[in-house]
N, C-alpha and C. Protein backbone atom coordinates (compact mmCIF):
# COMPACT_ATOMS: atom_id res chain seq x y z
N UNK A 1 100.31 87.20 136.91
CA UNK A 1 99.90 87.84 138.14
C UNK A 1 99.00 89.03 137.78
N UNK A 2 97.84 89.10 138.38
CA UNK A 2 96.89 90.17 138.10
C UNK A 2 96.83 91.11 139.28
N UNK A 3 96.89 92.41 139.02
CA UNK A 3 96.85 93.43 140.06
C UNK A 3 95.40 93.81 140.27
N UNK A 4 94.83 93.50 141.47
CA UNK A 4 93.40 93.68 141.71
C UNK A 4 93.04 94.96 142.45
N UNK A 5 93.99 95.68 143.03
CA UNK A 5 93.68 96.85 143.83
C UNK A 5 93.82 98.11 142.98
N UNK A 6 92.72 98.66 142.48
CA UNK A 6 92.81 99.78 141.54
C UNK A 6 93.36 101.06 142.15
N UNK A 7 93.27 101.27 143.46
CA UNK A 7 93.69 102.52 144.05
C UNK A 7 95.20 102.65 144.14
N UNK A 8 95.94 101.52 144.11
CA UNK A 8 97.37 101.58 144.31
C UNK A 8 98.15 101.76 143.03
N UNK A 9 97.51 101.67 141.87
CA UNK A 9 98.23 101.71 140.61
C UNK A 9 98.31 103.10 140.03
N UNK A 10 99.32 103.31 139.25
CA UNK A 10 99.46 104.55 138.50
C UNK A 10 99.76 104.19 137.06
N UNK A 11 99.07 104.82 136.14
CA UNK A 11 99.26 104.55 134.72
C UNK A 11 99.90 105.77 134.09
N UNK A 12 100.95 105.56 133.33
CA UNK A 12 101.58 106.65 132.58
C UNK A 12 101.09 106.56 131.15
N UNK A 13 100.45 107.60 130.68
CA UNK A 13 99.96 107.64 129.31
C UNK A 13 100.82 108.61 128.53
N UNK A 14 101.50 108.13 127.51
CA UNK A 14 102.30 108.96 126.63
C UNK A 14 101.50 109.19 125.36
N UNK A 15 101.34 110.45 124.99
CA UNK A 15 100.50 110.77 123.84
C UNK A 15 101.37 110.90 122.59
N UNK A 16 100.98 110.19 121.52
CA UNK A 16 101.73 110.21 120.26
C UNK A 16 100.82 109.74 119.14
N UNK A 17 101.30 109.85 117.91
CA UNK A 17 100.50 109.43 116.75
C UNK A 17 100.62 107.94 116.50
N UNK A 18 101.77 107.34 116.74
CA UNK A 18 101.97 105.93 116.46
C UNK A 18 101.64 105.08 117.68
N UNK A 19 101.25 103.83 117.44
CA UNK A 19 100.91 102.92 118.52
C UNK A 19 102.04 101.91 118.66
N UNK A 20 102.60 101.83 119.89
CA UNK A 20 103.63 100.85 120.19
C UNK A 20 103.32 100.25 121.55
N UNK A 21 104.03 99.15 121.90
CA UNK A 21 103.78 98.50 123.18
C UNK A 21 105.05 97.85 123.69
N UNK A 22 105.28 98.00 124.98
CA UNK A 22 106.42 97.36 125.62
C UNK A 22 105.99 96.85 126.99
N UNK A 23 106.19 95.55 127.26
CA UNK A 23 105.85 94.97 128.56
C UNK A 23 107.14 94.48 129.18
N UNK A 24 107.44 94.94 130.39
CA UNK A 24 108.67 94.51 131.05
C UNK A 24 108.37 93.42 132.07
N UNK A 25 109.41 92.80 132.58
CA UNK A 25 109.27 91.73 133.56
C UNK A 25 108.80 92.25 134.91
N UNK A 26 108.86 93.53 135.17
CA UNK A 26 108.46 94.08 136.46
C UNK A 26 106.99 94.48 136.49
N UNK A 27 106.21 93.99 135.56
CA UNK A 27 104.79 94.33 135.42
C UNK A 27 104.56 95.80 135.08
N UNK A 28 105.55 96.42 134.53
CA UNK A 28 105.40 97.78 134.05
C UNK A 28 104.98 97.71 132.59
N UNK A 29 103.89 98.37 132.26
CA UNK A 29 103.42 98.39 130.88
C UNK A 29 103.47 99.82 130.39
N UNK A 30 104.10 100.00 129.27
CA UNK A 30 104.19 101.32 128.67
C UNK A 30 103.48 101.27 127.33
N UNK A 31 102.51 102.12 127.14
CA UNK A 31 101.73 102.16 125.90
C UNK A 31 101.80 103.56 125.31
N UNK A 32 101.80 103.64 124.02
CA UNK A 32 101.65 104.92 123.33
C UNK A 32 100.30 104.87 122.65
N UNK A 33 99.49 105.90 122.89
CA UNK A 33 98.14 105.92 122.35
C UNK A 33 97.93 107.19 121.54
N UNK A 34 96.93 107.17 120.68
CA UNK A 34 96.62 108.30 119.81
C UNK A 34 95.46 109.10 120.38
N UNK A 35 95.56 110.41 120.31
CA UNK A 35 94.50 111.30 120.77
C UNK A 35 93.53 111.52 119.61
N UNK A 36 92.22 111.38 119.88
CA UNK A 36 91.25 111.61 118.81
C UNK A 36 90.91 113.09 118.70
N UNK A 37 90.01 113.44 117.80
CA UNK A 37 89.69 114.84 117.51
C UNK A 37 89.05 115.57 118.70
N UNK A 38 88.51 114.82 119.66
CA UNK A 38 87.90 115.42 120.85
C UNK A 38 88.83 115.39 122.06
N UNK A 39 90.09 115.03 121.85
CA UNK A 39 91.06 115.00 122.94
C UNK A 39 91.01 113.74 123.78
N UNK A 40 90.32 112.72 123.32
CA UNK A 40 90.17 111.48 124.09
C UNK A 40 91.25 110.47 123.71
N UNK A 41 91.60 109.64 124.69
CA UNK A 41 92.48 108.50 124.43
C UNK A 41 91.77 107.26 124.94
N UNK A 42 92.07 106.13 124.34
CA UNK A 42 91.53 104.86 124.80
C UNK A 42 92.60 104.17 125.63
N UNK A 43 92.24 103.78 126.84
CA UNK A 43 93.19 103.03 127.68
C UNK A 43 93.24 101.62 127.13
N UNK A 44 94.42 101.15 126.75
CA UNK A 44 94.53 99.82 126.16
C UNK A 44 94.00 98.72 127.09
N UNK A 45 93.45 97.67 126.49
CA UNK A 45 92.84 96.57 127.25
C UNK A 45 93.80 95.96 128.25
N UNK A 46 95.08 95.83 127.89
CA UNK A 46 96.05 95.23 128.80
C UNK A 46 96.18 96.03 130.10
N UNK A 47 96.11 97.35 129.99
CA UNK A 47 96.19 98.21 131.18
C UNK A 47 94.87 98.19 131.94
N UNK A 48 93.74 98.22 131.22
CA UNK A 48 92.43 98.15 131.90
C UNK A 48 92.32 96.87 132.71
N UNK A 49 92.78 95.76 132.14
CA UNK A 49 92.73 94.49 132.85
C UNK A 49 93.67 94.47 134.05
N UNK A 50 94.88 94.97 133.87
CA UNK A 50 95.87 94.98 134.94
C UNK A 50 95.38 95.75 136.16
N UNK A 51 94.70 96.88 135.93
CA UNK A 51 94.25 97.74 137.02
C UNK A 51 92.75 97.62 137.29
N UNK A 52 92.12 96.64 136.68
CA UNK A 52 90.69 96.39 136.90
C UNK A 52 89.85 97.64 136.65
N UNK A 53 90.14 98.33 135.57
CA UNK A 53 89.41 99.55 135.21
C UNK A 53 88.17 99.15 134.44
N UNK A 54 87.02 99.59 134.92
CA UNK A 54 85.73 99.25 134.33
C UNK A 54 85.00 100.51 133.89
N UNK A 55 84.04 100.34 133.00
CA UNK A 55 83.21 101.45 132.54
C UNK A 55 82.55 102.13 133.73
N UNK A 56 82.57 103.45 133.75
CA UNK A 56 81.92 104.21 134.81
C UNK A 56 82.84 104.57 135.97
N UNK A 57 84.04 103.97 136.02
CA UNK A 57 84.98 104.29 137.10
C UNK A 57 85.54 105.69 136.90
N UNK A 58 85.92 106.32 138.01
CA UNK A 58 86.61 107.60 137.94
C UNK A 58 88.12 107.35 137.97
N UNK A 59 88.84 108.19 137.24
CA UNK A 59 90.30 108.17 137.24
C UNK A 59 90.76 109.57 137.63
N UNK A 60 91.71 109.65 138.53
CA UNK A 60 92.32 110.92 138.86
C UNK A 60 93.42 111.16 137.84
N UNK A 61 93.39 112.32 137.17
CA UNK A 61 94.42 112.66 136.19
C UNK A 61 95.33 113.71 136.79
N UNK A 62 96.63 113.43 136.78
CA UNK A 62 97.62 114.35 137.30
C UNK A 62 98.59 114.67 136.17
N UNK A 63 98.68 115.95 135.79
CA UNK A 63 99.58 116.38 134.73
C UNK A 63 100.75 117.12 135.36
N UNK A 64 101.95 116.68 135.07
CA UNK A 64 103.16 117.31 135.60
C UNK A 64 103.81 118.11 134.48
N UNK A 65 103.79 119.43 134.61
CA UNK A 65 104.36 120.31 133.57
C UNK A 65 105.86 120.14 133.45
N UNK A 66 106.54 119.88 134.55
CA UNK A 66 108.01 119.77 134.51
C UNK A 66 108.47 118.53 133.77
N UNK A 67 107.86 117.38 134.07
CA UNK A 67 108.28 116.13 133.42
C UNK A 67 107.49 115.86 132.15
N UNK A 68 106.44 116.65 131.91
CA UNK A 68 105.56 116.48 130.76
C UNK A 68 104.92 115.10 130.74
N UNK A 69 104.51 114.63 131.93
CA UNK A 69 103.86 113.33 132.07
C UNK A 69 102.43 113.52 132.55
N UNK A 70 101.57 112.63 132.11
CA UNK A 70 100.19 112.58 132.58
C UNK A 70 100.01 111.23 133.26
N UNK A 71 99.55 111.26 134.51
CA UNK A 71 99.32 110.02 135.24
C UNK A 71 97.83 109.88 135.51
N UNK A 72 97.33 108.67 135.36
CA UNK A 72 95.95 108.36 135.67
C UNK A 72 95.94 107.39 136.84
N UNK A 73 95.17 107.71 137.88
CA UNK A 73 95.08 106.85 139.05
C UNK A 73 93.64 106.36 139.14
N UNK A 74 93.41 105.05 138.98
CA UNK A 74 92.05 104.51 139.11
C UNK A 74 91.52 104.70 140.52
N UNK A 75 90.27 105.15 140.63
CA UNK A 75 89.65 105.35 141.94
C UNK A 75 88.49 104.37 142.10
N UNK A 76 88.28 103.88 143.31
CA UNK A 76 87.16 102.95 143.52
C UNK A 76 85.82 103.63 143.22
N UNK A 77 84.86 102.87 142.80
CA UNK A 77 83.54 103.41 142.46
C UNK A 77 82.91 104.11 143.65
N UNK A 78 83.14 103.59 144.86
CA UNK A 78 82.52 104.14 146.07
C UNK A 78 83.30 105.31 146.66
N UNK A 79 84.32 105.81 145.98
CA UNK A 79 85.17 106.87 146.53
C UNK A 79 84.37 108.13 146.81
N UNK A 80 84.65 108.76 147.95
CA UNK A 80 84.12 110.08 148.30
C UNK A 80 85.34 111.00 148.34
N UNK A 81 85.53 111.72 147.25
CA UNK A 81 86.76 112.48 147.08
C UNK A 81 86.63 113.92 147.56
N UNK A 82 87.70 114.38 148.22
CA UNK A 82 87.81 115.77 148.64
C UNK A 82 89.18 116.27 148.25
N UNK A 83 89.26 117.58 147.93
CA UNK A 83 90.54 118.23 147.69
C UNK A 83 90.84 119.08 148.93
N UNK A 84 92.01 118.84 149.51
CA UNK A 84 92.45 119.60 150.68
C UNK A 84 93.63 120.46 150.26
N UNK A 85 93.53 121.75 150.51
CA UNK A 85 94.66 122.65 150.30
C UNK A 85 94.96 123.27 151.65
N UNK A 86 96.18 123.07 152.14
CA UNK A 86 96.51 123.52 153.48
C UNK A 86 97.85 124.25 153.49
N UNK A 87 97.86 125.42 154.12
CA UNK A 87 99.10 126.16 154.35
C UNK A 87 99.62 125.73 155.72
N UNK A 88 100.90 125.38 155.76
CA UNK A 88 101.48 124.86 156.99
C UNK A 88 102.81 125.54 157.28
N UNK A 89 103.20 125.47 158.54
CA UNK A 89 104.54 125.88 158.93
C UNK A 89 105.53 124.96 158.22
N UNK A 90 106.58 125.52 157.64
CA UNK A 90 107.60 124.70 156.99
C UNK A 90 108.65 124.29 158.01
N UNK A 91 108.59 123.01 158.37
CA UNK A 91 109.58 122.43 159.27
C UNK A 91 109.64 120.93 159.03
N UNK A 92 110.67 120.30 159.52
CA UNK A 92 110.85 118.86 159.37
C UNK A 92 109.68 118.13 160.02
N UNK A 93 109.10 117.16 159.28
CA UNK A 93 108.08 116.29 159.84
C UNK A 93 106.64 116.72 159.65
N UNK A 94 106.42 117.89 159.05
CA UNK A 94 105.04 118.38 158.90
C UNK A 94 104.22 117.47 157.99
N UNK A 95 104.79 117.05 156.85
CA UNK A 95 104.05 116.16 155.95
C UNK A 95 103.71 114.85 156.64
N UNK A 96 104.65 114.30 157.39
CA UNK A 96 104.39 113.07 158.14
C UNK A 96 103.28 113.28 159.16
N UNK A 97 103.28 114.43 159.82
CA UNK A 97 102.24 114.74 160.79
C UNK A 97 100.86 114.80 160.13
N UNK A 98 100.78 115.45 158.98
CA UNK A 98 99.51 115.54 158.25
C UNK A 98 99.02 114.16 157.81
N UNK A 99 99.92 113.39 157.20
CA UNK A 99 99.51 112.09 156.67
C UNK A 99 99.15 111.11 157.78
N UNK A 100 99.89 111.12 158.88
CA UNK A 100 99.56 110.26 160.01
C UNK A 100 98.23 110.65 160.63
N UNK A 101 97.96 111.94 160.71
CA UNK A 101 96.69 112.41 161.25
C UNK A 101 95.53 111.93 160.39
N UNK A 102 95.66 112.08 159.06
CA UNK A 102 94.61 111.63 158.15
C UNK A 102 94.44 110.11 158.21
N UNK A 103 95.55 109.38 158.31
CA UNK A 103 95.48 107.92 158.43
C UNK A 103 94.73 107.53 159.70
N UNK A 104 94.93 108.28 160.77
CA UNK A 104 94.21 108.02 162.02
C UNK A 104 92.71 108.20 161.90
N UNK A 105 92.29 109.02 160.94
CA UNK A 105 90.86 109.22 160.66
C UNK A 105 90.35 108.24 159.61
N UNK A 106 91.23 107.35 159.13
CA UNK A 106 90.92 106.39 158.08
C UNK A 106 90.60 107.10 156.76
N UNK A 107 91.28 108.22 156.53
CA UNK A 107 91.17 108.97 155.29
C UNK A 107 92.32 108.51 154.39
N UNK A 108 91.98 108.05 153.18
CA UNK A 108 92.96 107.54 152.23
C UNK A 108 93.47 108.68 151.35
N UNK A 109 94.77 108.90 151.34
CA UNK A 109 95.36 109.94 150.50
C UNK A 109 95.61 109.35 149.11
N UNK A 110 94.92 109.89 148.12
CA UNK A 110 95.03 109.41 146.74
C UNK A 110 96.18 110.11 146.03
N UNK A 111 96.35 111.39 146.29
CA UNK A 111 97.39 112.17 145.64
C UNK A 111 97.82 113.28 146.59
N UNK A 112 99.10 113.60 146.55
CA UNK A 112 99.59 114.72 147.37
C UNK A 112 100.72 115.45 146.66
N UNK A 113 100.74 116.76 146.85
CA UNK A 113 101.82 117.59 146.31
C UNK A 113 102.08 118.69 147.33
N UNK A 114 103.30 118.77 147.79
CA UNK A 114 103.67 119.79 148.77
C UNK A 114 104.84 120.60 148.23
N UNK A 115 104.82 121.90 148.50
CA UNK A 115 105.90 122.78 148.08
C UNK A 115 106.23 123.74 149.22
N UNK A 116 107.48 124.14 149.27
CA UNK A 116 107.91 125.15 150.23
C UNK A 116 107.68 126.52 149.59
N UNK A 117 106.93 127.37 150.29
CA UNK A 117 106.69 128.72 149.80
C UNK A 117 107.76 129.69 150.30
N UNK A 118 108.15 129.51 151.56
CA UNK A 118 109.23 130.29 152.14
C UNK A 118 109.97 129.39 153.12
N UNK A 119 111.20 129.08 152.80
CA UNK A 119 112.01 128.12 153.55
C UNK A 119 111.98 128.40 155.04
N UNK A 120 111.68 127.34 155.81
CA UNK A 120 111.61 127.36 157.28
C UNK A 120 110.52 128.28 157.82
N UNK A 121 109.56 128.67 156.94
CA UNK A 121 108.45 129.50 157.40
C UNK A 121 107.10 128.96 156.95
N UNK A 122 106.93 128.76 155.62
CA UNK A 122 105.60 128.43 155.12
C UNK A 122 105.68 127.43 153.97
N UNK A 123 104.79 126.46 154.01
CA UNK A 123 104.66 125.48 152.94
C UNK A 123 103.20 125.30 152.58
N UNK A 124 102.97 124.64 151.45
CA UNK A 124 101.60 124.39 151.01
C UNK A 124 101.50 122.94 150.55
N UNK A 125 100.46 122.28 151.00
CA UNK A 125 100.18 120.91 150.55
C UNK A 125 98.79 120.87 149.95
N UNK A 126 98.69 120.19 148.81
CA UNK A 126 97.40 119.95 148.18
C UNK A 126 97.24 118.45 148.06
N UNK A 127 96.13 117.94 148.56
CA UNK A 127 95.89 116.50 148.57
C UNK A 127 94.51 116.20 148.02
N UNK A 128 94.42 115.07 147.31
CA UNK A 128 93.13 114.50 146.97
C UNK A 128 92.98 113.31 147.91
N UNK A 129 91.88 113.28 148.65
CA UNK A 129 91.67 112.21 149.62
C UNK A 129 90.32 111.52 149.38
N UNK A 130 90.25 110.28 149.84
CA UNK A 130 89.02 109.49 149.77
C UNK A 130 88.55 109.27 151.20
N UNK A 131 87.35 109.76 151.51
CA UNK A 131 86.82 109.63 152.87
C UNK A 131 85.75 108.54 152.97
N UNK A 132 85.66 107.68 151.96
CA UNK A 132 84.58 106.68 151.95
C UNK A 132 84.67 105.68 153.10
N UNK A 133 85.86 105.45 153.64
CA UNK A 133 86.01 104.51 154.76
C UNK A 133 86.20 105.22 156.10
N UNK A 134 86.04 106.53 156.09
CA UNK A 134 86.24 107.33 157.29
C UNK A 134 84.90 107.72 157.90
N UNK A 135 84.93 108.09 159.17
CA UNK A 135 83.70 108.61 159.78
C UNK A 135 83.58 110.12 159.59
N UNK A 136 84.50 110.72 158.83
CA UNK A 136 84.43 112.14 158.49
C UNK A 136 83.32 112.29 157.44
N UNK A 137 82.31 113.09 157.76
CA UNK A 137 81.14 113.16 156.90
C UNK A 137 81.02 114.45 156.10
N UNK A 138 81.83 115.47 156.43
CA UNK A 138 81.70 116.74 155.72
C UNK A 138 83.05 117.44 155.64
N UNK A 139 83.12 118.41 154.73
CA UNK A 139 84.34 119.20 154.61
C UNK A 139 84.58 120.00 155.89
N UNK A 140 83.50 120.48 156.49
CA UNK A 140 83.62 121.26 157.73
C UNK A 140 84.18 120.40 158.86
N UNK A 141 83.72 119.16 158.97
CA UNK A 141 84.21 118.27 160.02
C UNK A 141 85.70 117.98 159.83
N UNK A 142 86.10 117.74 158.59
CA UNK A 142 87.51 117.46 158.33
C UNK A 142 88.36 118.70 158.59
N UNK A 143 87.89 119.86 158.15
CA UNK A 143 88.64 121.10 158.36
C UNK A 143 88.81 121.40 159.85
N UNK A 144 87.76 121.21 160.63
CA UNK A 144 87.86 121.51 162.07
C UNK A 144 88.85 120.57 162.75
N UNK A 145 88.93 119.32 162.30
CA UNK A 145 89.90 118.39 162.89
C UNK A 145 91.32 118.75 162.48
N UNK A 146 91.50 119.12 161.20
CA UNK A 146 92.85 119.48 160.73
C UNK A 146 93.35 120.77 161.41
N UNK A 147 92.45 121.68 161.73
CA UNK A 147 92.83 122.94 162.38
C UNK A 147 93.44 122.72 163.76
N UNK A 148 93.21 121.56 164.35
CA UNK A 148 93.78 121.26 165.66
C UNK A 148 95.28 120.96 165.59
N UNK A 149 95.78 120.70 164.39
CA UNK A 149 97.22 120.43 164.23
C UNK A 149 98.02 121.71 164.34
N UNK A 150 99.09 121.67 165.11
CA UNK A 150 99.91 122.85 165.38
C UNK A 150 100.48 123.52 164.13
N UNK A 151 100.98 122.79 163.13
CA UNK A 151 101.58 123.49 161.97
C UNK A 151 100.58 124.07 160.98
N UNK A 152 99.30 123.76 161.11
CA UNK A 152 98.30 124.20 160.13
C UNK A 152 97.97 125.68 160.31
N UNK A 153 98.09 126.44 159.21
CA UNK A 153 97.79 127.88 159.23
C UNK A 153 96.44 128.18 158.57
N UNK A 154 96.19 127.63 157.39
CA UNK A 154 94.94 127.84 156.67
C UNK A 154 94.52 126.55 155.99
N UNK A 155 93.20 126.38 155.80
CA UNK A 155 92.69 125.18 155.16
C UNK A 155 91.57 125.54 154.19
N UNK A 156 91.61 124.92 153.00
CA UNK A 156 90.50 124.97 152.04
C UNK A 156 90.18 123.52 151.69
N UNK A 157 88.91 123.14 151.79
CA UNK A 157 88.51 121.77 151.43
C UNK A 157 87.28 121.85 150.54
N UNK A 158 87.28 121.08 149.47
CA UNK A 158 86.12 121.02 148.58
C UNK A 158 85.85 119.57 148.20
N UNK A 159 84.59 119.30 147.89
CA UNK A 159 84.18 117.96 147.48
C UNK A 159 84.39 117.82 145.97
N UNK A 160 84.93 116.68 145.55
CA UNK A 160 85.13 116.38 144.14
C UNK A 160 84.16 115.29 143.72
N UNK A 161 83.88 115.22 142.44
CA UNK A 161 83.04 114.17 141.83
C UNK A 161 81.78 113.99 142.61
């Protein structure tokens, strides 16, 4: 079975000196790769094939300091990426409200991280989104639409790649 949708996959890259390989029955592939002198790693062919990763594609890299994991998320070539940082009222359902609102605009959320800054008062969400299939054409247009949401306090949006 070949996985053809590159946006839905997540690759875990473990950095080490030795090369090993383990393939499980659940289509989970775990590879250990070596870092070269310039800090580069080569994504093994089995993973490139599984996620249809081609030369010139962008990958979103997410490093988690707590778990000490690095995740690579393949992005479509036509992706129009934006980073959204939004301060919101901390209450039940705010994340669902944000994600449903973006889905209604046909904005694809590639990555999201939300934290509570002050319990039951303030939270912060940072998202990487793809607007290539949306009619949202600018950061200003997206910000003005997000500002209409009741829990939104502040918004910063920037274009990536």
